[in-house]
PDB file of all heavy atoms in Angstrom:
ATOM      1  N   ALA A   1     103.681 282.761 186.243  1.00  0.00           N
ATOM      2  CA  ALA A   1     102.413 282.028 186.338  1.00  0.00           C
ATOM      3  C   ALA A   1     102.518 280.683 185.616  1.00  0.00           C
ATOM      4  O   ALA A   1     102.078 279.642 186.136  1.00  0.00           O
ATOM      5  CB  ALA A   1     101.278 282.855 185.752  1.00  0.00           C
ATOM      6  N   LEU A   2     103.122 280.680 184.430  1.00  0.00           N
ATOM      7  CA  LEU A   2     103.300 279.424 183.686  1.00  0.00           C
ATOM      8  C   LEU A   2     104.229 278.470 184.430  1.00  0.00           C
ATOM      9  O   LEU A   2     104.001 277.251 184.439  1.00  0.00           O
ATOM     10  CB  LEU A   2     103.848 279.711 182.290  1.00  0.00           C
ATOM     11  CG  LEU A   2     102.905 280.435 181.323  1.00  0.00           C
ATOM     12  CD1 LEU A   2     103.618 280.693 180.001  1.00  0.00           C
ATOM     13  CD2 LEU A   2     101.641 279.615 181.082  1.00  0.00           C
ATOM     14  N   CYS A   3     105.277 279.010 185.051  1.00  0.00           N
ATOM     15  CA  CYS A   3     106.196 278.161 185.822  1.00  0.00           C
ATOM     16  C   CYS A   3     105.461 277.455 186.961  1.00  0.00           C
ATOM     17  O   CYS A   3     105.698 276.269 187.221  1.00  0.00           O
ATOM     18  CB  CYS A   3     107.350 278.995 186.385  1.00  0.00           C
ATOM     19  SG  CYS A   3     108.564 279.523 185.150  1.00  0.00           S
ATOM     20  N   LYS A   4     104.563 278.175 187.617  1.00  0.00           N
ATOM     21  CA  LYS A   4     103.808 277.584 188.730  1.00  0.00           C
ATOM     22  C   LYS A   4     102.853 276.504 188.225  1.00  0.00           C
ATOM     23  O   LYS A   4     102.713 275.442 188.850  1.00  0.00           O
ATOM     24  CB  LYS A   4     103.035 278.672 189.473  1.00  0.00           C
ATOM     25  CG  LYS A   4     103.933 279.592 190.290  1.00  0.00           C
ATOM     26  CD  LYS A   4     103.139 280.731 190.908  1.00  0.00           C
ATOM     27  CE  LYS A   4     104.061 281.677 191.670  1.00  0.00           C
ATOM     28  NZ  LYS A   4     103.326 282.859 192.211  1.00  0.00           N
ATOM     29  N   ILE A   5     102.189 276.778 187.101  1.00  0.00           N
ATOM     30  CA  ILE A   5     101.272 275.774 186.530  1.00  0.00           C
ATOM     31  C   ILE A   5     102.033 274.512 186.176  1.00  0.00           C
ATOM     32  O   ILE A   5     101.612 273.388 186.488  1.00  0.00           O
ATOM     33  CB  ILE A   5     100.570 276.347 185.279  1.00  0.00           C
ATOM     34  CG1 ILE A   5      99.616 277.485 185.678  1.00  0.00           C
ATOM     35  CG2 ILE A   5      99.795 275.250 184.541  1.00  0.00           C
ATOM     36  CD1 ILE A   5      99.118 278.308 184.500  1.00  0.00           C
ATOM     37  N   ALA A   6     103.186 274.675 185.516  1.00  0.00           N
ATOM     38  CA  ALA A   6     103.979 273.525 185.089  1.00  0.00           C
ATOM     39  C   ALA A   6     104.541 272.750 186.273  1.00  0.00           C
ATOM     40  O   ALA A   6     104.625 271.516 186.243  1.00  0.00           O
ATOM     41  CB  ALA A   6     105.124 273.999 184.191  1.00  0.00           C
ATOM     42  N   ALA A   7     104.916 273.468 187.332  1.00  0.00           N
ATOM     43  CA  ALA A   7     105.483 272.812 188.518  1.00  0.00           C
ATOM     44  C   ALA A   7     104.428 272.058 189.313  1.00  0.00           C
ATOM     45  O   ALA A   7     104.742 271.075 190.003  1.00  0.00           O
ATOM     46  CB  ALA A   7     106.153 273.849 189.410  1.00  0.00           C
ATOM     47  N   ASN A   8     103.166 272.476 189.196  1.00  0.00           N
ATOM     48  CA  ASN A   8     102.086 271.857 189.965  1.00  0.00           C
ATOM     49  C   ASN A   8     101.415 270.688 189.246  1.00  0.00           C
ATOM     50  O   ASN A   8     100.484 270.086 189.780  1.00  0.00           O
ATOM     51  CB  ASN A   8     101.028 272.909 190.320  1.00  0.00           C
ATOM     52  CG  ASN A   8     101.520 273.872 191.378  1.00  0.00           C
ATOM     53  OD1 ASN A   8     102.356 273.517 192.213  1.00  0.00           O
ATOM     54  ND2 ASN A   8     101.022 275.093 191.354  1.00  0.00           N
ATOM     55  N   ARG A   9     101.873 270.365 188.042  1.00  0.00           N
ATOM     56  CA  ARG A   9     101.359 269.177 187.351  1.00  0.00           C
ATOM     57  C   ARG A   9     101.750 267.910 188.118  1.00  0.00           C
ATOM     58  O   ARG A   9     102.721 267.906 188.884  1.00  0.00           O
ATOM     59  CB  ARG A   9     101.952 269.093 185.941  1.00  0.00           C
ATOM     60  CG  ARG A   9     101.444 270.118 184.982  1.00  0.00           C
ATOM     61  CD  ARG A   9     102.107 270.063 183.614  1.00  0.00           C
ATOM     62  NE  ARG A   9     102.663 268.773 183.236  1.00  0.00           N
ATOM     63  CZ  ARG A   9     102.706 268.282 182.000  1.00  0.00           C
ATOM     64  NH1 ARG A   9     102.211 268.982 181.006  1.00  0.00           N
ATOM     65  NH2 ARG A   9     103.249 267.115 181.737  1.00  0.00           N
ATOM     66  N   SER A  10     101.021 266.826 187.875  1.00  0.00           N
ATOM     67  CA  SER A  10     101.408 265.561 188.506  1.00  0.00           C
ATOM     68  C   SER A  10     102.793 265.129 188.026  1.00  0.00           C
ATOM     69  O   SER A  10     103.558 264.523 188.773  1.00  0.00           O
ATOM     70  CB  SER A  10     100.375 264.473 188.201  1.00  0.00           C
ATOM     71  OG  SER A  10     100.229 264.311 186.798  1.00  0.00           O
ATOM     72  N   VAL A  11     103.110 265.439 186.767  1.00  0.00           N
ATOM     73  CA  VAL A  11     104.470 265.274 186.245  1.00  0.00           C
ATOM     74  C   VAL A  11     104.947 266.665 185.834  1.00  0.00           C
ATOM     75  O   VAL A  11     104.594 267.160 184.763  1.00  0.00           O
ATOM     76  CB  VAL A  11     104.513 264.316 185.038  1.00  0.00           C
ATOM     77  CG1 VAL A  11     105.933 264.197 184.511  1.00  0.00           C
ATOM     78  CG2 VAL A  11     103.969 262.948 185.420  1.00  0.00           C
ATOM     79  N   PRO A  12     105.740 267.344 186.676  1.00  0.00           N
ATOM     80  CA  PRO A  12     106.190 268.705 186.349  1.00  0.00           C
ATOM     81  C   PRO A  12     107.018 268.727 185.069  1.00  0.00           C
ATOM     82  O   PRO A  12     107.680 267.754 184.712  1.00  0.00           O
ATOM     83  CB  PRO A  12     107.051 269.092 187.557  1.00  0.00           C
ATOM     84  CG  PRO A  12     106.590 268.194 188.668  1.00  0.00           C
ATOM     85  CD  PRO A  12     106.210 266.906 188.002  1.00  0.00           C
ATOM     86  N   ILE A  13     106.954 269.870 184.370  1.00  0.00           N
ATOM     87  CA  ILE A  13     107.734 270.049 183.149  1.00  0.00           C
ATOM     88  C   ILE A  13     108.456 271.385 183.221  1.00  0.00           C
ATOM     89  O   ILE A  13     108.055 272.291 183.965  1.00  0.00           O
ATOM     90  CB  ILE A  13     106.849 269.999 181.882  1.00  0.00           C
ATOM     91  CG1 ILE A  13     105.753 271.074 181.937  1.00  0.00           C
ATOM     92  CG2 ILE A  13     106.258 268.611 181.692  1.00  0.00           C
ATOM     93  CD1 ILE A  13     104.953 271.220 180.654  1.00  0.00           C
ATOM     94  N   PRO A  14     109.539 271.551 182.455  1.00  0.00           N
ATOM     95  CA  PRO A  14     110.258 272.827 182.480  1.00  0.00           C
ATOM     96  C   PRO A  14     109.556 273.899 181.656  1.00  0.00           C
ATOM     97  O   PRO A  14     108.952 273.615 180.614  1.00  0.00           O
ATOM     98  CB  PRO A  14     111.621 272.474 181.862  1.00  0.00           C
ATOM     99  CG  PRO A  14     111.329 271.308 180.970  1.00  0.00           C
ATOM    100  CD  PRO A  14     110.234 270.534 181.640  1.00  0.00           C
ATOM    101  N   VAL A  15     109.628 275.130 182.139  1.00  0.00           N
ATOM    102  CA  VAL A  15     109.183 276.302 181.393  1.00  0.00           C
ATOM    103  C   VAL A  15     110.400 277.179 181.163  1.00  0.00           C
ATOM    104  O   VAL A  15     111.032 277.627 182.118  1.00  0.00           O
ATOM    105  CB  VAL A  15     108.101 277.089 182.152  1.00  0.00           C
ATOM    106  CG1 VAL A  15     107.750 278.389 181.418  1.00  0.00           C
ATOM    107  CG2 VAL A  15     106.853 276.250 182.343  1.00  0.00           C
ATOM    108  N   TYR A  16     110.730 277.404 179.916  1.00  0.00           N
ATOM    109  CA  TYR A  16     111.860 278.260 179.570  1.00  0.00           C
ATOM    110  C   TYR A  16     111.289 279.622 179.191  1.00  0.00           C
ATOM    111  O   TYR A  16     110.852 279.839 178.054  1.00  0.00           O
ATOM    112  CB  TYR A  16     112.678 277.645 178.451  1.00  0.00           C
ATOM    113  CG  TYR A  16     113.259 276.311 178.867  1.00  0.00           C
ATOM    114  CD1 TYR A  16     112.754 275.113 178.351  1.00  0.00           C
ATOM    115  CD2 TYR A  16     114.272 276.242 179.813  1.00  0.00           C
ATOM    116  CE1 TYR A  16     113.271 273.887 178.755  1.00  0.00           C
ATOM    117  CE2 TYR A  16     114.789 275.022 180.221  1.00  0.00           C
ATOM    118  CZ  TYR A  16     114.285 273.852 179.691  1.00  0.00           C
ATOM    119  OH  TYR A  16     114.793 272.645 180.102  1.00  0.00           O
ATOM    120  N   ALA A  17     111.268 280.516 180.184  1.00  0.00           N
ATOM    121  CA  ALA A  17     110.625 281.817 180.021  1.00  0.00           C
ATOM    122  C   ALA A  17     111.672 282.922 179.980  1.00  0.00           C
ATOM    123  O   ALA A  17     112.540 282.989 180.857  1.00  0.00           O
ATOM    124  CB  ALA A  17     109.654 282.062 181.177  1.00  0.00           C
ATOM    125  N   GLU A  18     111.589 283.759 178.960  1.00  0.00           N
ATOM    126  CA  GLU A  18     112.401 284.976 178.894  1.00  0.00           C
ATOM    127  C   GLU A  18     111.469 286.107 179.272  1.00  0.00           C
ATOM    128  O   GLU A  18     110.438 286.317 178.635  1.00  0.00           O
ATOM    129  CB  GLU A  18     112.979 285.131 177.487  1.00  0.00           C
ATOM    130  CG  GLU A  18     113.937 286.302 177.342  1.00  0.00           C
ATOM    131  CD  GLU A  18     113.289 287.511 176.720  1.00  0.00           C
ATOM    132  OE1 GLU A  18     113.024 287.496 175.514  1.00  0.00           O
ATOM    133  OE2 GLU A  18     113.027 288.477 177.471  1.00  0.00           O
ATOM    134  N   MET A  19     111.829 286.848 180.350  1.00  0.00           N
ATOM    135  CA  MET A  19     110.850 287.743 180.961  1.00  0.00           C
ATOM    136  C   MET A  19     111.361 289.187 181.029  1.00  0.00           C
ATOM    137  O   MET A  19     111.650 289.781 180.000  1.00  0.00           O
ATOM    138  CB  MET A  19     110.464 287.187 182.329  1.00  0.00           C
ATOM    139  CG  MET A  19     109.840 285.788 182.243  1.00  0.00           C
ATOM    140  SD  MET A  19     109.375 285.051 183.825  1.00  0.00           S
ATOM    141  CE  MET A  19     110.988 284.651 184.509  1.00  0.00           C
ATOM    142  N   GLY A  20     111.481 289.745 182.248  1.00  0.00           N
ATOM    143  CA  GLY A  20     111.734 291.172 182.387  1.00  0.00           C
ATOM    144  C   GLY A  20     113.193 291.538 182.553  1.00  0.00           C
ATOM    145  O   GLY A  20     113.982 290.776 183.121  1.00  0.00           O
ATOM    146  N   SER A  21     113.554 292.744 182.078  1.00  0.00           N
ATOM    147  CA  SER A  21     114.935 293.208 182.200  1.00  0.00           C
ATOM    148  C   SER A  21     114.993 294.704 181.954  1.00  0.00           C
ATOM    149  O   SER A  21     114.307 295.226 181.072  1.00  0.00           O
ATOM    150  CB  SER A  21     115.819 292.470 181.192  1.00  0.00           C
ATOM    151  OG  SER A  21     117.167 292.824 181.332  1.00  0.00           O
ATOM    152  N   ILE A  22     115.832 295.415 182.732  1.00  0.00           N
ATOM    153  CA  ILE A  22     116.050 296.849 182.477  1.00  0.00           C
ATOM    154  C   ILE A  22     117.452 297.096 181.919  1.00  0.00           C
ATOM    155  O   ILE A  22     117.808 298.228 181.617  1.00  0.00           O
ATOM    156  CB  ILE A  22     115.801 297.701 183.737  1.00  0.00           C
ATOM    157  CG1 ILE A  22     116.612 297.190 184.936  1.00  0.00           C
ATOM    158  CG2 ILE A  22     114.317 297.738 184.070  1.00  0.00           C
ATOM    159  CD1 ILE A  22     116.527 298.093 186.156  1.00  0.00           C
ATOM    160  N   ASN A  23     118.252 296.065 181.790  1.00  0.00           N
ATOM    161  CA  ASN A  23     119.497 296.097 181.014  1.00  0.00           C
ATOM    162  C   ASN A  23     120.421 297.255 181.388  1.00  0.00           C
ATOM    163  O   ASN A  23     120.598 298.212 180.624  1.00  0.00           O
ATOM    164  CB  ASN A  23     119.160 296.150 179.525  1.00  0.00           C
ATOM    165  CG  ASN A  23     118.237 295.026 179.123  1.00  0.00           C
ATOM    166  OD1 ASN A  23     118.584 293.871 179.196  1.00  0.00           O
ATOM    167  ND2 ASN A  23     117.017 295.374 178.723  1.00  0.00           N
ATOM    168  N   PRO A  24     121.024 297.207 182.580  1.00  0.00           N
ATOM    169  CA  PRO A  24     121.850 298.312 183.062  1.00  0.00           C
ATOM    170  C   PRO A  24     123.030 298.629 182.148  1.00  0.00           C
ATOM    171  O   PRO A  24     123.664 297.742 181.596  1.00  0.00           O
ATOM    172  CB  PRO A  24     122.340 297.816 184.425  1.00  0.00           C
ATOM    173  CG  PRO A  24     122.214 296.330 184.368  1.00  0.00           C
ATOM    174  CD  PRO A  24     121.019 296.064 183.513  1.00  0.00           C
ATOM    175  N   VAL A  25     123.289 299.926 182.020  1.00  0.00           N
ATOM    176  CA  VAL A  25     124.413 300.429 181.226  1.00  0.00           C
ATOM    177  C   VAL A  25     125.298 301.261 182.138  1.00  0.00           C
ATOM    178  O   VAL A  25     124.821 302.216 182.771  1.00  0.00           O
ATOM    179  CB  VAL A  25     123.909 301.294 180.054  1.00  0.00           C
ATOM    180  CG1 VAL A  25     125.086 301.857 179.254  1.00  0.00           C
ATOM    181  CG2 VAL A  25     122.977 300.500 179.155  1.00  0.00           C
ATOM    182  N   LEU A  26     126.567 300.907 182.235  1.00  0.00           N
ATOM    183  CA  LEU A  26     127.523 301.642 183.063  1.00  0.00           C
ATOM    184  C   LEU A  26     128.349 302.546 182.157  1.00  0.00           C
ATOM    185  O   LEU A  26     129.172 302.073 181.365  1.00  0.00           O
ATOM    186  CB  LEU A  26     128.454 300.690 183.815  1.00  0.00           C
ATOM    187  CG  LEU A  26     127.920 300.037 185.097  1.00  0.00           C
ATOM    188  CD1 LEU A  26     126.626 299.268 184.854  1.00  0.00           C
ATOM    189  CD2 LEU A  26     128.967 299.126 185.721  1.00  0.00           C
ATOM    190  N   VAL A  27     128.114 303.856 182.253  1.00  0.00           N
ATOM    191  CA  VAL A  27     128.882 304.815 181.464  1.00  0.00           C
ATOM    192  C   VAL A  27     130.022 305.311 182.351  1.00  0.00           C
ATOM    193  O   VAL A  27     129.805 306.103 183.279  1.00  0.00           O
ATOM    194  CB  VAL A  27     128.005 305.988 180.984  1.00  0.00           C
ATOM    195  CG1 VAL A  27     128.794 306.884 180.036  1.00  0.00           C
ATOM    196  CG2 VAL A  27     126.758 305.479 180.288  1.00  0.00           C
ATOM    197  N   LEU A  28     131.234 304.839 182.084  1.00  0.00           N
ATOM    198  CA  LEU A  28     132.377 305.144 182.950  1.00  0.00           C
ATOM    199  C   LEU A  28     132.919 306.547 182.656  1.00  0.00           C
ATOM    200  O   LEU A  28     132.718 307.093 181.556  1.00  0.00           O
ATOM    201  CB  LEU A  28     133.450 304.087 182.770  1.00  0.00           C
ATOM    202  CG  LEU A  28     133.018 302.633 183.079  1.00  0.00           C
ATOM    203  CD1 LEU A  28     134.217 301.693 183.062  1.00  0.00           C
ATOM    204  CD2 LEU A  28     132.277 302.522 184.405  1.00  0.00           C
ATOM    205  N   PRO A  29     133.611 307.142 183.623  1.00  0.00           N
ATOM    206  CA  PRO A  29     134.069 308.537 183.482  1.00  0.00           C
ATOM    207  C   PRO A  29     134.877 308.815 182.226  1.00  0.00           C
ATOM    208  O   PRO A  29     134.730 309.889 181.615  1.00  0.00           O
ATOM    209  CB  PRO A  29     134.911 308.748 184.744  1.00  0.00           C
ATOM    210  CG  PRO A  29     134.290 307.835 185.757  1.00  0.00           C
ATOM    211  CD  PRO A  29     133.881 306.614 184.980  1.00  0.00           C
ATOM    212  N   SER A  30     135.726 307.887 181.803  1.00  0.00           N
ATOM    213  CA  SER A  30     136.559 308.140 180.618  1.00  0.00           C
ATOM    214  C   SER A  30     135.700 308.362 179.377  1.00  0.00           C
ATOM    215  O   SER A  30     135.993 309.228 178.542  1.00  0.00           O
ATOM    216  CB  SER A  30     137.520 306.970 180.388  1.00  0.00           C
ATOM    217  OG  SER A  30     136.800 305.779 180.076  1.00  0.00           O
ATOM    218  N   ALA A  31     134.621 307.593 179.235  1.00  0.00           N
ATOM    219  CA  ALA A  31     133.738 307.739 178.073  1.00  0.00           C
ATOM    220  C   ALA A  31     132.984 309.061 178.118  1.00  0.00           C
ATOM    221  O   ALA A  31     132.750 309.693 177.081  1.00  0.00           O
ATOM    222  CB  ALA A  31     132.760 306.570 178.017  1.00  0.00           C
ATOM    223  N   LEU A  32     132.610 309.493 179.320  1.00  0.00           N
ATOM    224  CA  LEU A  32     131.913 310.765 179.453  1.00  0.00           C
ATOM    225  C   LEU A  32     132.823 311.935 179.102  1.00  0.00           C
ATOM    226  O   LEU A  32     132.376 312.949 178.563  1.00  0.00           O
ATOM    227  CB  LEU A  32     131.387 310.929 180.883  1.00  0.00           C
ATOM    228  CG  LEU A  32     130.246 309.983 181.287  1.00  0.00           C
ATOM    229  CD1 LEU A  32     129.962 310.106 182.770  1.00  0.00           C
ATOM    230  CD2 LEU A  32     128.984 310.275 180.483  1.00  0.00           C
ATOM    231  N   LYS A  33     134.106 311.803 179.395  1.00  0.00           N
ATOM    232  CA  LYS A  33     135.057 312.889 179.111  1.00  0.00           C
ATOM    233  C   LYS A  33     135.393 312.984 177.628  1.00  0.00           C
ATOM    234  O   LYS A  33     135.621 314.079 177.105  1.00  0.00           O
ATOM    235  CB  LYS A  33     136.336 312.681 179.925  1.00  0.00           C
ATOM    236  CG  LYS A  33     136.157 312.964 181.417  1.00  0.00           C
ATOM    237  CD  LYS A  33     137.430 312.665 182.192  1.00  0.00           C
ATOM    238  CE  LYS A  33     137.211 312.919 183.689  1.00  0.00           C
ATOM    239  NZ  LYS A  33     138.408 312.542 184.495  1.00  0.00           N
ATOM    240  N   THR A  34     135.433 311.859 176.935  1.00  0.00           N
ATOM    241  CA  THR A  34     135.907 311.868 175.547  1.00  0.00           C
ATOM    242  C   THR A  34     134.804 311.723 174.504  1.00  0.00           C
ATOM    243  O   THR A  34     134.937 312.234 173.395  1.00  0.00           O
ATOM    244  CB  THR A  34     136.927 310.731 175.326  1.00  0.00           C
ATOM    245  OG1 THR A  34     136.282 309.471 175.592  1.00  0.00           O
ATOM    246  CG2 THR A  34     138.140 310.889 176.229  1.00  0.00           C
ATOM    247  N   ASP A  35     133.712 311.014 174.847  1.00  0.00           N
ATOM    248  CA  ASP A  35     132.685 310.697 173.839  1.00  0.00           C
ATOM    249  C   ASP A  35     131.275 310.935 174.352  1.00  0.00           C
ATOM    250  O   ASP A  35     130.346 310.199 174.015  1.00  0.00           O
ATOM    251  CB  ASP A  35     132.819 309.233 173.403  1.00  0.00           C
ATOM    252  CG  ASP A  35     134.135 308.957 172.700  1.00  0.00           C
ATOM    253  OD1 ASP A  35     134.434 309.672 171.740  1.00  0.00           O
ATOM    254  OD2 ASP A  35     134.846 308.030 173.124  1.00  0.00           O
ATOM    255  N   CYS A  36     131.105 311.936 175.169  1.00  0.00           N
ATOM    256  CA  CYS A  36     129.811 312.185 175.817  1.00  0.00           C
ATOM    257  C   CYS A  36     128.675 312.325 174.804  1.00  0.00           C
ATOM    258  O   CYS A  36     127.639 311.659 174.913  1.00  0.00           O
ATOM    259  CB  CYS A  36     129.920 313.446 176.671  1.00  0.00           C
ATOM    260  SG  CYS A  36     128.401 313.901 177.512  1.00  0.00           S
ATOM    261  N   GLU A  37     128.857 313.187 173.809  1.00  0.00           N
ATOM    262  CA  GLU A  37     127.793 313.443 172.837  1.00  0.00           C
ATOM    263  C   GLU A  37     127.481 312.203 172.005  1.00  0.00           C
ATOM    264  O   GLU A  37     126.310 311.889 171.749  1.00  0.00           O
ATOM    265  CB  GLU A  37     128.196 314.599 171.925  1.00  0.00           C
ATOM    266  CG  GLU A  37     127.087 315.024 170.983  1.00  0.00           C
ATOM    267  CD  GLU A  37     127.430 316.277 170.196  1.00  0.00           C
ATOM    268  OE1 GLU A  37     128.471 316.901 170.490  1.00  0.00           O
ATOM    269  OE2 GLU A  37     126.644 316.628 169.297  1.00  0.00           O
ATOM    270  N   LYS A  38     128.519 311.485 171.596  1.00  0.00           N
ATOM    271  CA  LYS A  38     128.332 310.270 170.797  1.00  0.00           C
ATOM    272  C   LYS A  38     127.459 309.255 171.525  1.00  0.00           C
ATOM    273  O   LYS A  38     126.480 308.732 170.962  1.00  0.00           O
ATOM    274  CB  LYS A  38     129.687 309.661 170.481  1.00  0.00           C
ATOM    275  CG  LYS A  38     129.631 308.238 169.952  1.00  0.00           C
ATOM    276  CD  LYS A  38     131.022 307.599 169.932  1.00  0.00           C
ATOM    277  CE  LYS A  38     130.934 306.095 169.796  1.00  0.00           C
ATOM    278  NZ  LYS A  38     132.261 305.452 169.830  1.00  0.00           N
ATOM    279  N   TRP A  39     127.797 308.990 172.790  1.00  0.00           N
ATOM    280  CA  TRP A  39     127.050 307.963 173.515  1.00  0.00           C
ATOM    281  C   TRP A  39     125.641 308.436 173.862  1.00  0.00           C
ATOM    282  O   TRP A  39     124.699 307.642 173.891  1.00  0.00           O
ATOM    283  CB  TRP A  39     127.813 307.525 174.761  1.00  0.00           C
ATOM    284  CG  TRP A  39     129.024 306.719 174.416  1.00  0.00           C
ATOM    285  CD1 TRP A  39     130.326 307.015 174.654  1.00  0.00           C
ATOM    286  CD2 TRP A  39     129.027 305.461 173.725  1.00  0.00           C
ATOM    287  NE1 TRP A  39     131.161 306.041 174.158  1.00  0.00           N
ATOM    288  CE2 TRP A  39     130.387 305.068 173.586  1.00  0.00           C
ATOM    289  CE3 TRP A  39     128.037 304.638 173.202  1.00  0.00           C
ATOM    290  CZ2 TRP A  39     130.757 303.885 172.964  1.00  0.00           C
ATOM    291  CZ3 TRP A  39     128.386 303.457 172.570  1.00  0.00           C
ATOM    292  CH2 TRP A  39     129.737 303.090 172.457  1.00  0.00           C
ATOM    293  N   ALA A  40     125.486 309.736 174.122  1.00  0.00           N
ATOM    294  CA  ALA A  40     124.146 310.258 174.397  1.00  0.00           C
ATOM    295  C   ALA A  40     123.242 310.084 173.179  1.00  0.00           C
ATOM    296  O   ALA A  40     122.084 309.665 173.297  1.00  0.00           O
ATOM    297  CB  ALA A  40     124.227 311.727 174.790  1.00  0.00           C
ATOM    298  N   LYS A  41     123.748 310.373 171.992  1.00  0.00           N
ATOM    299  CA  LYS A  41     122.960 310.198 170.761  1.00  0.00           C
ATOM    300  C   LYS A  41     122.660 308.721 170.510  1.00  0.00           C
ATOM    301  O   LYS A  41     121.532 308.359 170.140  1.00  0.00           O
ATOM    302  CB  LYS A  41     123.711 310.787 169.571  1.00  0.00           C
ATOM    303  CG  LYS A  41     123.744 312.308 169.565  1.00  0.00           C
ATOM    304  CD  LYS A  41     124.490 312.829 168.332  1.00  0.00           C
ATOM    305  CE  LYS A  41     124.443 314.355 168.270  1.00  0.00           C
ATOM    306  NZ  LYS A  41     125.160 314.886 167.101  1.00  0.00           N
ATOM    307  N   ASN A  42     123.671 307.873 170.705  1.00  0.00           N
ATOM    308  CA  ASN A  42     123.473 306.431 170.488  1.00  0.00           C
ATOM    309  C   ASN A  42     122.393 305.877 171.411  1.00  0.00           C
ATOM    310  O   ASN A  42     121.558 305.061 171.003  1.00  0.00           O
ATOM    311  CB  ASN A  42     124.773 305.673 170.708  1.00  0.00           C
ATOM    312  CG  ASN A  42     125.747 305.825 169.559  1.00  0.00           C
ATOM    313  OD1 ASN A  42     125.427 306.428 168.548  1.00  0.00           O
ATOM    314  ND2 ASN A  42     126.940 305.292 169.700  1.00  0.00           N
ATOM    315  N   TYR A  43     122.411 306.340 172.649  1.00  0.00           N
ATOM    316  CA  TYR A  43     121.447 305.792 173.611  1.00  0.00           C
ATOM    317  C   TYR A  43     120.065 306.420 173.472  1.00  0.00           C
ATOM    318  O   TYR A  43     119.054 305.763 173.773  1.00  0.00           O
ATOM    319  CB  TYR A  43     122.006 305.860 175.034  1.00  0.00           C
ATOM    320  CG  TYR A  43     122.770 304.582 175.311  1.00  0.00           C
ATOM    321  CD1 TYR A  43     124.091 304.454 174.924  1.00  0.00           C
ATOM    322  CD2 TYR A  43     122.116 303.488 175.830  1.00  0.00           C
ATOM    323  CE1 TYR A  43     124.771 303.253 175.094  1.00  0.00           C
ATOM    324  CE2 TYR A  43     122.787 302.281 176.015  1.00  0.00           C
ATOM    325  CZ  TYR A  43     124.103 302.170 175.641  1.00  0.00           C
ATOM    326  OH  TYR A  43     124.752 300.966 175.788  1.00  0.00           O
TER     327      TYR A  43
END
């Protein structure tokens, strides 16, 4: 919403917005075989 407001000004300005993320984690098979409990507790 802020980006649209700033872009629609007579003189547009930048909006540096940090917004949404679900931050994917890839747990590869080797880690599951050797450190399953450790990573489950950490996460």
